[in-house]
Amino acid sequence: MASRRDLKKDITYLYSELLTECFTISCLCPNCNQEKADALIEKIVRNSYEFTQRAGHYDGKNNRQLVKAYYKKLGEDLLQDVLAIGKEIEELSK
């Protein structure tokens, strides 16, 4: 299993890339809705913090199966959230 520190770094990297993309679109796109962009930026920062916190606190320290299931669920939730935010960023540029 990878270390929690590496997982936290990966989460931070993913959300920083999304944040950079959102900033770029909000600054360069003339027909961008600034209120939606600000709300999306806030959502990205909030979700980054929440997933980082979830990566550090897990249940079942002595039960490897529970830990493995916890991190599997965390990875699935992270992927779904990143894809959903990516779609929102794509819609922001239209």
Protein backbone atom coordinates (compact mmCIF):
# COMPACT_ATOMS: atom_id res chain seq x y z
CA MET A 1 0.00 0.00 0.00
CA ALA A 2 1.27 3.45 -0.83
CA SER A 3 1.93 5.86 1.97
CA ARG A 4 -0.66 8.32 3.17
CA ARG A 5 1.77 11.15 2.54
CA ASP A 6 2.00 10.24 -1.15
CA LEU A 7 -1.78 9.98 -1.36
CA LYS A 8 -2.17 13.42 0.18
CA LYS A 9 0.35 14.83 -2.29
CA ASP A 10 -1.54 13.25 -5.19
CA ILE A 11 -4.82 14.72 -3.95
CA THR A 12 -3.24 18.15 -3.63
CA TYR A 13 -1.76 17.86 -7.12
CA LEU A 14 -5.08 16.87 -8.73
CA TYR A 15 -6.99 19.71 -7.14
CA SER A 16 -4.26 22.26 -7.84
CA GLU A 17 -4.45 21.34 -11.53
CA LEU A 18 -8.22 21.79 -11.47
CA LEU A 19 -7.81 25.10 -9.68
CA THR A 20 -5.26 26.31 -12.22
CA GLU A 21 -7.57 25.36 -15.09
CA CYS A 22 -10.49 27.16 -13.47
CA PHE A 23 -8.41 30.31 -12.86
CA THR A 24 -7.16 30.25 -16.44
CA ILE A 25 -10.63 29.96 -17.91
CA SER A 26 -12.09 32.62 -15.62
CA CYS A 27 -9.34 35.09 -16.54
CA LEU A 28 -9.04 34.43 -20.28
CA CYS A 29 -12.59 33.61 -21.32
CA PRO A 30 -14.54 36.84 -21.96
CA ASN A 31 -18.00 35.25 -21.71
CA CYS A 32 -17.28 33.33 -18.51
CA ASN A 33 -19.77 33.66 -15.67
CA GLN A 34 -17.59 34.99 -12.85
CA GLU A 35 -20.02 34.01 -10.08
CA LYS A 36 -20.01 30.38 -11.24
CA ALA A 37 -16.23 30.46 -11.49
CA ASP A 38 -15.90 31.78 -7.94
CA ALA A 39 -18.30 29.13 -6.61
CA LEU A 40 -16.36 26.43 -8.45
CA ILE A 41 -13.04 27.68 -7.07
CA GLU A 42 -14.49 27.54 -3.56
CA LYS A 43 -15.77 24.01 -4.19
CA ILE A 44 -12.36 22.87 -5.43
CA VAL A 45 -10.58 24.21 -2.35
CA ARG A 46 -13.19 22.73 0.02
CA ASN A 47 -13.10 19.29 -1.63
CA SER A 48 -9.31 19.26 -1.64
CA TYR A 49 -9.28 19.85 2.11
CA GLU A 50 -11.98 17.23 2.75
CA PHE A 51 -10.25 14.49 0.74
CA THR A 52 -6.89 15.28 2.34
CA GLN A 53 -8.49 14.94 5.76
CA ARG A 54 -10.17 11.68 4.76
CA ALA A 55 -6.84 10.28 3.59
CA GLY A 56 -5.34 10.81 7.04
CA HIS A 57 -8.14 9.39 9.16
CA TYR A 58 -9.24 5.85 8.50
CA ASP A 59 -11.20 3.24 10.43
CA GLY A 60 -10.10 -0.22 11.48
CA LYS A 61 -6.41 0.28 12.25
CA ASN A 62 -5.92 -3.36 13.13
CA ASN A 63 -8.08 -4.80 10.35
CA ARG A 64 -6.33 -4.71 6.99
CA GLN A 65 -9.50 -5.50 5.05
CA LEU A 66 -11.31 -2.50 6.50
CA VAL A 67 -8.39 -0.22 5.74
CA LYS A 68 -8.14 -1.51 2.18
CA ALA A 69 -11.89 -1.06 1.64
CA TYR A 70 -11.71 2.45 3.10
CA TYR A 71 -8.96 3.58 0.74
CA LYS A 72 -10.63 1.88 -2.23
CA LYS A 73 -13.81 3.85 -1.51
CA LEU A 74 -11.75 7.01 -1.05
CA GLY A 75 -10.14 6.51 -4.46
CA GLU A 76 -13.49 5.94 -6.14
CA ASP A 77 -15.00 9.03 -4.51
CA LEU A 78 -11.95 11.08 -5.48
CA LEU A 79 -12.16 10.00 -9.11
CA GLN A 80 -15.88 10.78 -9.32
CA ASP A 81 -15.37 14.21 -7.75
CA VAL A 82 -12.47 15.15 -10.02
CA LEU A 83 -14.42 14.09 -13.13
CA ALA A 84 -17.50 16.03 -11.99
CA ILE A 85 -15.47 19.18 -11.37
CA GLY A 86 -13.77 18.72 -14.75
CA LYS A 87 -17.17 18.70 -16.43
CA GLU A 88 -18.17 21.84 -14.53
CA ILE A 89 -14.97 23.58 -15.69
CA GLU A 90 -15.71 22.50 -19.26
CA GLU A 91 -19.21 23.97 -19.02
CA LEU A 92 -17.77 27.16 -17.58
CA SER A 93 -15.78 27.80 -20.76
CA LYS A 94 -18.84 27.51 -23.01
